Protein backbone atom coordinates (compact mmCIF):
# COMPACT_ATOMS: atom_id res chain seq x y z
CA MET A 1 -8.36 4.33 -15.23
CA LYS A 2 -5.88 6.96 -17.58
CA LEU A 3 -3.99 9.79 -15.88
CA LEU A 4 -1.76 11.58 -18.37
CA LEU A 5 1.14 13.36 -16.75
CA SER A 6 4.48 14.64 -18.05
CA LEU A 7 7.43 16.69 -16.82
CA ALA A 8 6.33 19.82 -15.03
CA LEU A 9 7.51 23.35 -14.36
CA ALA A 10 7.16 25.00 -10.98
CA LEU A 11 3.64 26.38 -10.80
CA SER A 12 3.00 30.07 -10.22
CA PRO A 13 -0.44 31.37 -9.15
CA VAL A 14 -3.11 30.51 -11.73
CA SER A 15 -3.78 33.64 -13.73
CA ALA A 16 -3.84 34.84 -17.32
CA THR A 17 -0.15 35.62 -17.77
CA ALA A 18 -0.22 35.42 -21.56
CA ALA A 19 -2.54 37.08 -24.02
CA PRO A 20 -4.94 34.29 -25.09
CA ALA A 21 -6.41 33.92 -28.51
CA GLU A 22 -10.02 34.95 -28.81
CA LEU A 23 -12.01 31.77 -28.42
CA THR A 24 -15.57 32.33 -29.55
CA PRO A 25 -18.57 30.09 -28.81
CA ALA A 26 -18.95 29.53 -32.55
CA ALA A 27 -15.35 28.36 -32.92
CA VAL A 28 -15.72 25.98 -29.96
CA ASP A 29 -19.03 24.62 -31.24
CA SER A 30 -17.62 24.03 -34.71
CA TYR A 31 -14.62 22.16 -33.31
CA LEU A 32 -16.80 20.01 -31.04
CA ARG A 33 -19.22 19.05 -33.80
CA GLU A 34 -16.27 17.97 -35.91
CA ALA A 35 -14.90 15.99 -32.94
CA MET A 36 -18.27 14.26 -32.50
CA GLU A 37 -18.24 13.22 -36.13
CA THR A 38 -14.60 12.11 -36.03
CA THR A 39 -14.80 10.03 -32.87
CA GLY A 40 -18.35 8.75 -33.33
CA VAL A 41 -19.03 8.93 -29.59
CA PRO A 42 -22.75 8.78 -28.76
CA GLY A 43 -22.74 11.55 -26.15
CA LEU A 44 -20.46 14.43 -25.21
CA SER A 45 -20.74 17.46 -22.91
CA VAL A 46 -18.19 20.27 -22.73
CA VAL A 47 -17.60 23.57 -21.00
CA VAL A 48 -14.96 26.21 -21.74
CA THR A 49 -14.29 29.06 -19.31
CA HIS A 50 -12.04 32.09 -19.36
CA GLY A 51 -11.37 34.12 -16.25
CA GLY A 52 -14.70 34.45 -14.51
CA GLU A 53 -16.85 33.74 -17.56
CA VAL A 54 -18.25 30.69 -19.32
CA VAL A 55 -17.29 30.87 -23.00
CA HIS A 56 -19.30 27.85 -24.12
CA ALA A 57 -21.23 25.05 -22.42
CA ALA A 58 -23.15 22.49 -24.46
CA GLY A 59 -24.00 18.86 -24.97
CA TYR A 60 -23.98 16.76 -28.13
CA GLY A 61 -25.45 13.38 -29.03
CA HIS A 62 -27.66 11.28 -26.76
CA ASP A 63 -27.65 8.88 -23.83
CA SER A 64 -28.57 5.19 -23.99
CA ASP A 65 -32.23 6.06 -23.33
CA GLY A 66 -32.29 8.23 -26.44
CA ARG A 67 -32.44 11.53 -24.55
CA PRO A 68 -30.32 14.42 -25.89
CA VAL A 69 -27.12 15.17 -23.98
CA THR A 70 -27.04 18.82 -22.90
CA ALA A 71 -24.83 21.00 -20.74
CA ASP A 72 -27.11 19.97 -17.85
CA THR A 73 -26.86 16.20 -18.36
CA PRO A 74 -25.33 14.61 -15.22
CA MET A 75 -22.40 12.26 -15.73
CA ARG A 76 -19.90 10.62 -13.45
CA VAL A 77 -16.47 12.18 -13.82
CA ALA A 78 -14.54 9.32 -12.17
CA SER A 79 -11.06 10.37 -11.00
CA VAL A 80 -11.72 14.03 -11.77
CA SER A 81 -13.46 13.72 -8.37
CA LYS A 82 -10.06 13.78 -6.66
CA SER A 83 -9.70 17.54 -7.14
CA PHE A 84 -13.03 18.02 -5.34
CA THR A 85 -11.92 15.81 -2.46
CA ALA A 86 -8.68 17.74 -2.16
CA MET A 87 -10.68 20.97 -2.01
CA ALA A 88 -12.91 19.59 0.75
CA VAL A 89 -9.82 18.63 2.76
CA MET A 90 -8.23 22.05 2.29
CA THR A 91 -11.36 23.87 3.49
CA LEU A 92 -11.03 21.92 6.73
CA VAL A 93 -7.29 22.54 6.90
CA GLU A 94 -7.99 26.28 6.80
CA ARG A 95 -10.53 25.88 9.61
CA GLY A 96 -8.01 24.01 11.74
CA ARG A 97 -9.99 20.76 11.66
CA ILE A 98 -7.38 18.83 9.66
CA LYS A 99 -3.59 18.97 10.05
CA LEU A 100 -2.00 18.60 6.62
CA ASP A 101 1.39 17.37 7.84
CA GLU A 102 0.30 15.19 10.74
CA PRO A 103 -0.45 11.45 10.54
CA VAL A 104 -3.80 10.36 9.20
CA ALA A 105 -4.01 7.63 11.85
CA ALA A 106 -4.04 10.29 14.57
CA GLN A 107 -6.96 12.06 12.86
CA VAL A 108 -9.08 9.10 11.69
CA PRO A 109 -10.14 6.65 14.41
CA GLY A 110 -10.32 3.15 12.97
CA PHE A 111 -7.54 3.59 10.43
CA ALA A 112 -4.87 0.97 10.98
CA MET A 113 -3.01 -1.45 8.72
CA ALA A 114 -0.93 -4.59 9.08
CA ASP A 115 2.12 -2.42 8.49
CA PRO A 116 3.56 -0.13 11.19
CA ARG A 117 4.67 2.36 8.53
CA ALA A 118 1.01 3.26 7.89
CA ALA A 119 0.98 5.15 11.20
CA ARG A 120 3.35 7.70 9.60
CA ILE A 121 1.21 8.54 6.52
CA THR A 122 0.34 12.25 6.53
CA VAL A 123 -2.67 13.93 4.96
CA ARG A 124 -0.40 15.73 2.49
CA GLN A 125 1.00 12.38 1.35
CA LEU A 126 -2.51 11.04 0.75
CA LEU A 127 -3.37 13.98 -1.49
CA ASN A 128 0.00 13.89 -3.29
CA GLN A 129 -0.31 10.10 -3.88
CA THR A 130 2.99 9.52 -2.06
CA SER A 131 1.63 7.63 0.96
CA GLY A 132 2.96 4.20 0.01
CA LEU A 133 -0.58 2.88 -0.51
CA SER A 134 -0.76 0.70 -3.61
CA ASP A 135 -3.21 -1.48 -5.52
CA ARG A 136 -0.47 -4.12 -5.45
CA THR A 137 -0.52 -4.54 -1.67
CA ILE A 138 -4.12 -3.72 -0.76
CA ASP A 139 -7.13 -6.01 -1.10
CA ILE A 140 -8.91 -3.78 -3.61
CA ALA A 141 -11.69 -6.32 -4.14
CA ALA A 142 -12.54 -6.08 -0.44
CA THR A 143 -12.66 -2.28 -0.50
CA GLU A 144 -15.00 -2.39 -3.53
CA ARG A 145 -17.53 -4.25 -1.37
CA ALA A 146 -17.56 -1.51 1.27
CA THR A 147 -20.91 0.02 2.19
CA SER A 148 -19.58 3.28 3.64
CA LEU A 149 -16.35 5.20 4.01
CA ALA A 150 -16.04 3.97 7.60
CA ASP A 151 -16.43 0.38 6.38
CA TYR A 152 -13.96 1.08 3.56
CA THR A 153 -11.38 2.31 6.06
CA ALA A 154 -11.85 -0.73 8.30
CA ARG A 155 -11.24 -3.05 5.32
CA LEU A 156 -7.68 -1.72 5.02
CA ALA A 157 -6.68 -3.37 8.30
CA GLY A 158 -5.08 -6.46 6.75
CA SER A 159 -3.16 -4.67 4.00
CA ARG A 160 0.37 -3.35 3.78
CA LEU A 161 2.23 -0.48 2.10
CA ALA A 162 4.34 -0.82 -1.03
CA ALA A 163 6.84 1.84 0.05
CA ASP A 164 7.77 4.06 2.96
CA PRO A 165 5.45 7.08 3.17
CA GLY A 166 6.77 10.08 1.28
CA THR A 167 9.40 8.17 -0.72
CA ARG A 168 7.55 7.18 -3.90
CA TYR A 169 4.63 8.34 -6.03
CA GLU A 170 2.02 5.71 -6.82
CA TYR A 171 -1.46 6.49 -8.07
CA CYS A 172 -3.96 4.70 -5.84
CA ASN A 173 -7.65 5.43 -5.30
CA VAL A 174 -7.38 4.39 -1.66
CA ASN A 175 -5.56 7.66 -0.93
CA TYR A 176 -8.60 9.71 -1.83
CA ASP A 177 -11.23 7.44 -0.33
CA LEU A 178 -9.30 7.62 2.92
CA ALA A 179 -9.14 11.41 2.51
CA ALA A 180 -12.94 11.46 2.12
CA ARG A 181 -13.28 9.53 5.39
CA LEU A 182 -11.01 12.13 6.99
CA VAL A 183 -13.44 14.83 5.82
CA GLU A 184 -16.30 12.97 7.48
CA VAL A 185 -14.46 12.62 10.79
CA ALA A 186 -13.19 16.21 10.84
CA SER A 187 -16.53 17.76 9.88
CA GLY A 188 -18.87 15.41 11.72
CA ARG A 189 -20.94 15.06 8.54
CA THR A 190 -21.18 12.62 5.68
CA PHE A 191 -18.79 13.27 2.82
CA GLY A 192 -21.68 13.95 0.43
CA ASP A 193 -23.32 16.43 2.79
CA TYR A 194 -20.06 18.25 3.35
CA LEU A 195 -19.37 18.58 -0.37
CA ARG A 196 -22.90 19.81 -0.98
CA ASP A 197 -22.72 22.51 1.69
CA ARG A 198 -19.07 23.55 1.54
CA VAL A 199 -18.01 22.98 -2.07
CA PHE A 200 -20.89 22.48 -4.50
CA GLY A 201 -23.32 24.81 -2.75
CA PRO A 202 -21.12 27.92 -2.44
CA LEU A 203 -20.18 27.61 -6.13
CA GLY A 204 -23.78 27.21 -7.26
CA MET A 205 -23.22 23.65 -8.49
CA ARG A 206 -26.85 22.62 -8.04
CA THR A 207 -26.70 19.40 -10.05
CA SER A 208 -23.63 17.83 -8.46
CA ALA A 209 -23.37 15.10 -5.84
CA VAL A 210 -21.46 11.96 -4.89
CA SER A 211 -24.46 9.65 -4.84
CA ALA A 212 -26.74 8.45 -7.61
CA ALA A 213 -29.56 8.71 -5.06
CA ASP A 214 -29.13 12.49 -5.16
CA VAL A 215 -28.27 13.00 -8.83
CA ARG A 216 -28.91 10.25 -11.37
CA PRO A 217 -26.17 10.06 -14.01
CA ALA A 218 -27.01 9.46 -17.68
CA ASN A 219 -26.87 5.84 -18.75
CA GLY A 220 -23.75 5.01 -20.71
CA TYR A 221 -22.23 2.80 -23.37
CA THR A 222 -19.23 0.67 -24.14
CA SER A 223 -17.95 -0.01 -27.64
CA LEU A 224 -17.58 -3.50 -29.10
CA PHE A 225 -15.99 -3.69 -32.54
CA GLY A 226 -17.40 -0.29 -33.45
CA ALA A 227 -20.93 -0.88 -32.12
CA TRP A 228 -22.12 1.12 -29.10
CA LEU A 229 -23.73 -1.14 -26.50
CA PRO A 230 -25.79 0.30 -23.61
CA ARG A 231 -24.25 -0.91 -20.35
CA PRO A 232 -25.23 -0.42 -16.72
CA GLU A 233 -22.65 0.92 -14.30
CA LEU A 234 -20.15 -1.63 -13.11
CA ASP A 235 -20.72 -2.54 -9.46
CA GLY A 236 -18.22 -1.02 -7.07
CA PHE A 237 -17.70 1.58 -4.38
CA HIS A 238 -18.86 4.62 -6.35
CA ASP A 239 -21.36 6.53 -4.21
CA ASP A 240 -19.62 8.64 -1.52
CA SER A 241 -16.23 7.77 -2.98
CA GLY A 242 -13.61 10.47 -2.67
CA ALA A 243 -11.62 8.87 -5.47
CA GLY A 244 -14.30 8.75 -8.14
CA GLY A 245 -17.81 9.43 -6.88
CA VAL A 246 -18.65 12.89 -8.22
CA ILE A 247 -21.63 13.20 -10.56
CA THR A 248 -21.87 16.59 -12.24
CA THR A 249 -22.72 18.50 -15.42
CA ALA A 250 -20.86 20.67 -17.90
CA SER A 251 -22.70 23.72 -16.53
CA ASP A 252 -21.59 22.96 -12.98
CA MET A 253 -18.04 22.16 -14.08
CA GLY A 254 -17.85 25.65 -15.53
CA LYS A 255 -18.34 27.10 -12.05
CA TRP A 256 -15.73 24.73 -10.67
CA LEU A 257 -13.13 25.69 -13.29
CA ILE A 258 -13.70 29.39 -12.63
CA ALA A 259 -12.98 28.75 -8.94
CA GLN A 260 -9.77 26.89 -9.85
CA THR A 261 -8.43 29.89 -11.77
CA GLY A 262 -8.91 32.05 -8.69
CA ASP A 263 -11.90 33.89 -10.15
CA GLY A 264 -15.43 33.81 -8.86
CA ARG A 265 -16.26 33.02 -5.26
CA PRO A 266 -13.19 31.59 -3.48
CA LEU A 267 -13.58 28.41 -1.47
CA VAL A 268 -10.09 28.66 0.04
CA LYS A 269 -7.31 31.20 0.22
CA ARG A 270 -4.97 31.72 -2.71
CA GLU A 271 -2.17 29.99 -0.78
CA SER A 272 -4.28 26.84 -0.38
CA LEU A 273 -5.18 26.87 -4.07
CA GLU A 274 -1.49 27.10 -4.96
CA THR A 275 -0.70 24.23 -2.58
CA MET A 276 -3.19 21.99 -4.38
CA HIS A 277 -1.78 22.95 -7.78
CA ARG A 278 1.91 22.59 -6.88
CA PRO A 279 3.66 19.36 -8.00
CA THR A 280 5.87 17.34 -5.69
CA LYS A 281 9.53 16.56 -6.29
CA LEU A 282 8.63 12.90 -6.79
CA ARG A 283 6.10 13.44 -9.59
CA PRO A 284 4.37 16.30 -11.42
CA TYR A 285 1.22 15.73 -9.37
CA GLY A 286 -0.26 18.16 -6.90
CA MET A 287 -3.43 17.40 -4.95
CA GLY A 288 -6.01 16.00 -7.33
CA TRP A 289 -4.27 17.70 -10.27
CA GLY A 290 -1.54 16.54 -12.61
CA VAL A 291 0.81 19.25 -13.85
CA GLU A 292 1.82 18.97 -17.49
CA GLU A 293 4.77 20.43 -19.34
CA GLY A 294 4.10 24.13 -19.63
CA GLY A 295 2.19 24.17 -16.34
CA GLN A 296 -1.31 23.21 -17.50
CA LEU A 297 -3.29 21.52 -14.74
CA VAL A 298 -5.03 18.34 -15.87
CA HIS A 299 -6.83 15.36 -14.42
CA SER A 300 -8.53 12.55 -16.32
CA GLY A 301 -11.05 9.96 -15.21
CA ASN A 302 -12.41 6.65 -16.48
CA LEU A 303 -15.26 4.71 -14.87
CA PHE A 304 -16.06 2.06 -17.47
CA THR A 305 -19.10 3.81 -18.98
CA TYR A 306 -17.75 7.34 -18.56
CA ASN A 307 -14.65 9.30 -19.52
CA ALA A 308 -13.86 12.81 -18.35
CA VAL A 309 -11.05 15.34 -18.20
CA GLU A 310 -10.61 18.77 -16.64
CA ALA A 311 -7.86 21.27 -17.39
CA VAL A 312 -6.86 24.78 -16.37
CA SER A 313 -4.20 26.77 -18.21
CA PRO A 314 -2.15 29.19 -16.07
CA LYS A 315 -0.79 30.77 -19.28
CA THR A 316 -4.14 31.87 -20.66
CA GLY A 317 -6.63 31.58 -17.81
CA TYR A 318 -8.79 29.20 -19.84
CA GLY A 319 -10.47 26.17 -18.29
CA PHE A 320 -11.88 23.10 -20.02
CA ALA A 321 -13.99 20.13 -19.00
CA VAL A 322 -14.93 17.35 -21.41
CA MET A 323 -17.21 14.45 -20.45
CA THR A 324 -18.58 11.45 -22.34
CA ASN A 325 -21.18 8.86 -21.39
CA ASN A 326 -19.10 6.09 -22.90
CA ALA A 327 -15.74 4.38 -22.53
CA THR A 328 -13.52 2.63 -25.05
CA LEU A 329 -9.91 1.55 -25.51
CA TYR A 330 -9.35 5.08 -26.78
CA ASP A 331 -10.35 8.00 -24.54
CA PRO A 332 -11.34 10.92 -26.81
CA THR A 333 -11.86 13.43 -23.99
CA TYR A 334 -8.15 14.12 -23.52
CA ASP A 335 -7.54 14.74 -27.22
CA ILE A 336 -10.58 17.01 -27.42
CA MET A 337 -9.26 18.97 -24.43
CA LEU A 338 -5.89 19.32 -26.18
CA GLY A 339 -7.65 20.62 -29.28
CA LEU A 340 -9.50 23.22 -27.23
CA THR A 341 -6.24 24.20 -25.53
CA ALA A 342 -4.63 24.72 -28.93
CA LEU A 343 -7.54 26.91 -30.06
CA SER A 344 -7.24 29.02 -26.90
CA GLU A 345 -3.55 29.59 -27.62
CA GLY A 346 -4.11 30.53 -31.26
CA ARG A 347 -2.70 27.25 -32.58
CA GLU A 348 -4.26 24.91 -35.13
CA PRO A 349 -5.85 22.06 -33.17
CA GLN A 350 -5.13 18.50 -34.08
CA GLY A 351 -8.38 16.62 -34.28
CA PRO A 352 -9.04 13.66 -32.00
CA ASP A 353 -8.05 10.21 -33.18
CA ALA A 354 -10.40 8.95 -35.89
CA ASP A 355 -9.06 5.41 -35.78
CA ARG A 356 -11.14 3.94 -32.93
CA GLN A 357 -13.41 2.12 -35.37
CA LEU A 358 -10.40 1.03 -37.44
CA TRP A 359 -8.54 -0.49 -34.49
CA GLU A 360 -11.65 -2.19 -33.21
CA ALA A 361 -12.30 -3.55 -36.72
CA VAL A 362 -8.74 -4.90 -36.80
CA LEU A 363 -9.29 -6.60 -33.45
CA GLY A 364 -12.57 -8.03 -34.72
CA ALA A 365 -10.85 -9.38 -37.82
CA LEU A 366 -8.12 -10.96 -35.69
CA ALA A 367 -10.78 -12.60 -33.51
CA LEU A 368 -12.43 -14.08 -36.62
CA VAL A 369 -9.07 -15.34 -37.90
CA ALA A 370 -8.34 -16.93 -34.51
CA ALA A 371 -11.74 -18.62 -34.47
CA GLY A 372 -11.19 -19.92 -38.00
CA LEU A 373 -7.72 -21.26 -37.17
CA GLY A 374 -9.15 -22.89 -34.05
CA VAL A 375 -11.87 -24.69 -36.01
CA MET A 376 -9.33 -25.76 -38.64
CA GLY A 377 -6.92 -27.00 -35.98
CA VAL A 378 -9.61 -29.09 -34.31
CA LEU A 379 -10.72 -30.62 -37.62
CA ARG A 380 -7.14 -31.46 -38.58
CA ALA A 381 -6.17 -32.84 -35.18
CA ARG A 382 -6.26 -36.48 -36.37
CA ARG A 383 -4.02 -35.68 -39.32
CA TRP A 384 -1.65 -33.83 -37.01
CA ALA A 385 -1.55 -36.81 -34.64
CA ALA A 386 -0.99 -39.26 -37.49
CA GLY A 387 2.15 -37.42 -38.51
CA ARG A 388 3.58 -37.88 -35.02
CA SER A 389 2.48 -41.42 -34.35
CA GLY A 390 5.09 -43.53 -32.61
CA ARG A 391 7.24 -40.59 -31.54
CA PRO A 392 8.22 -40.35 -27.85
CA TRP A 393 6.30 -37.80 -25.75
CA TRP A 394 9.32 -35.53 -25.26
CA ARG A 395 9.41 -34.93 -28.99
CA ILE A 396 5.66 -34.35 -29.27
CA ALA A 397 5.24 -32.05 -26.25
CA PRO A 398 7.15 -29.05 -27.72
CA ARG A 399 4.81 -29.19 -30.73
CA LEU A 400 1.83 -28.60 -28.42
CA VAL A 401 3.28 -25.47 -26.82
CA PRO A 402 2.55 -22.90 -29.58
CA ALA A 403 -1.20 -23.56 -29.44
CA LEU A 404 -1.13 -23.27 -25.63
CA VAL A 405 0.57 -19.85 -25.56
CA PRO A 406 -2.67 -17.91 -26.29
CA ALA A 407 -4.42 -19.90 -23.54
CA GLY A 408 -1.66 -18.87 -21.14
CA VAL A 409 -2.05 -15.23 -22.15
CA LEU A 410 -5.80 -15.48 -21.52
CA ALA A 411 -5.25 -16.98 -18.06
CA ALA A 412 -2.84 -14.17 -17.15
CA TYR A 413 -4.79 -11.42 -18.94
CA PRO A 414 -5.86 -9.36 -15.87
CA ASP A 415 -2.33 -9.49 -14.47
CA LEU A 416 -0.81 -8.48 -17.80
CA VAL A 417 -3.18 -5.51 -18.08
CA SER A 418 -2.36 -4.58 -14.49
CA VAL A 419 1.32 -4.35 -15.43
CA LEU A 420 0.45 -2.06 -18.35
CA VAL A 421 -1.44 0.31 -16.03
CA ASN A 422 1.37 0.57 -13.48
CA GLY A 423 0.19 -2.11 -11.09
CA ARG A 424 -3.41 -0.94 -10.73
CA ALA A 425 -5.75 -3.78 -9.75
CA VAL A 426 -7.75 -5.09 -12.72
CA THR A 427 -10.68 -7.54 -12.57
CA TRP A 428 -12.31 -9.72 -15.22
CA ALA A 429 -15.52 -7.71 -14.89
CA GLN A 430 -13.67 -4.47 -15.64
CA LEU A 431 -12.09 -6.03 -18.71
CA THR A 432 -15.56 -6.51 -20.23
CA TYR A 433 -16.11 -2.74 -20.29
CA PHE A 434 -13.79 -0.22 -21.97
CA PRO A 435 -11.31 -2.83 -23.30
CA ALA A 436 -14.12 -5.17 -24.48
CA PRO A 437 -12.83 -5.54 -28.09
CA LEU A 438 -9.35 -6.48 -26.87
CA SER A 439 -10.78 -8.79 -24.21
CA VAL A 440 -12.95 -10.65 -26.72
CA THR A 441 -10.01 -11.03 -29.10
CA VAL A 442 -7.72 -12.35 -26.35
CA ALA A 443 -10.46 -14.75 -25.22
CA VAL A 444 -11.04 -16.10 -28.74
CA PHE A 445 -7.31 -16.69 -29.26
CA GLY A 446 -6.99 -18.37 -25.86
CA LEU A 447 -10.02 -20.63 -26.27
CA ALA A 448 -9.05 -21.53 -29.83
CA GLY A 449 -5.56 -22.53 -28.67
CA ALA A 450 -6.95 -24.59 -25.80
CA ALA A 451 -9.44 -26.34 -28.11
CA VAL A 452 -6.75 -27.23 -30.65
CA THR A 453 -4.47 -28.59 -27.93
CA ALA A 454 -7.26 -30.69 -26.42
CA ALA A 455 -8.23 -32.07 -29.84
CA ARG A 456 -4.63 -33.01 -30.62
CA LEU A 457 -4.17 -34.75 -27.28
CA ARG A 458 -7.41 -36.64 -27.80
CA ALA A 459 -6.32 -37.66 -31.30
CA LEU A 460 -2.93 -38.87 -30.04
CA ARG A 461 -4.62 -40.91 -27.34
CA SER A 462 -7.12 -42.46 -29.76
CA ARG A 463 -4.30 -43.53 -32.11
CA GLU A 464 -2.38 -45.16 -29.29
CA THR A 465 -5.36 -46.95 -27.68
CA PRO A 466 -6.19 -49.37 -30.56
CA ARG A 467 -2.55 -50.47 -30.83
CA HIS A 468 -2.34 -51.26 -27.12
CA ALA A 469 -5.75 -52.97 -27.18
CA SER A 470 -4.67 -55.15 -30.13
CA THR A 471 -1.48 -56.15 -28.37
CA LEU A 472 -3.35 -57.10 -25.24
CA SER A 473 -5.90 -59.04 -27.28
CA SER A 474 -3.22 -61.04 -29.05
CA HIS A 475 -1.60 -61.81 -25.73
CA ARG A 476 -4.90 -63.24 -24.46
CA HIS A 477 -4.97 -65.76 -27.32
CA VAL A 478 -1.44 -67.04 -26.88
CA ARG A 479 -1.58 -70.49 -25.43
CA VAL A 480 1.25 -71.32 -23.05
CA GLU A 481 2.06 -75.03 -22.98
CA PRO A 482 3.40 -76.54 -19.80
CA ALA A 483 7.09 -77.40 -19.90
């Protein structure tokens, strides 16, 4: 769910244009062991490449079954998959099977939306994330129930665009799942088979796939107040997904990074590689790659029990891939990648954030405080009501609002998180994974506020009831004499 992009410079061909610092396997290993200790993540796999060589590939820690993580441990890489999908599309562009600047609707039978503008979306706009497709206007929940890419495409029929094609950047997984369907139609093969034979296979990526039936990823974890909890994958459209389906290893990612620098066996011509790496005028995003200040190519991925990042530096020719079998509020993979980048440029790396446990402990403490205040508020509800006995409701009602605010935040929680992640669709189920500590804290505050409000209302009602009952009773005993 985190794609870190910043202002970009125009991208020249990827090559070692600056003399890199000597990055030894020992230096990389030392840095990674320190990062493991600092972040406390249970499992981590990393590869560093330079030119056509692998500098270091290794795994650290363990999976949730207790098995050691190695350079050959398969993990999902989530949105890092987009660069693979873009490559698959470009191989078909070079073969004349896909037209990059012609409408997708003309090349994918069955693609139609309840918005006439969708007929103008080009393949280039899909890959550049400028198609107008948006989580805000598409029924994402429906697409997550898809059973195939063809079914996924058909489920877009009732949705609309958020902008005219080509006028605005908006990150949306639908772009790349639709691109994967385009690969199927153009090649006459399933997306997974095409990747295996035309991308993974030629590079020697023998332990990579887009289906858990072909390559089983390591079981993962989520963190809850500092404790690592084994969690199964969240249900969703993962297998065969062009937006986030790739399962791979550090060893295989090394071969992929070498191909991205233009070394090793080429999958496409240099011009096609440059096209994928070139940012648009709307955003420093190419095709499955973000372009950071200084020109470094980067793409991150989060899939609830996995985090991953890939990077290629045009300045030094170094490539990096960092993968974890866990997900938290804080994604350590990006910071670890930045540390490796600094080492490769001869700079002192800043270690990854060591405050994950601290922030989660703070959230845990806040949850305990909220629970305590809730219990206290319920127990003191009668006293609170007694102090307001006899007051009109319009003077009492404002006093109830503060306790209801946390309940309102809880009710709107998915929508509030969606705003924070630029309109991406967010579900309650997703909020129990990487943001679990925050979700629990928000829930405790909300439930405590609702409980206090209910107790106060009940206490007010109970104080009023006896008075009314007494009045009615006295009225029953008044004898009315005839005139």
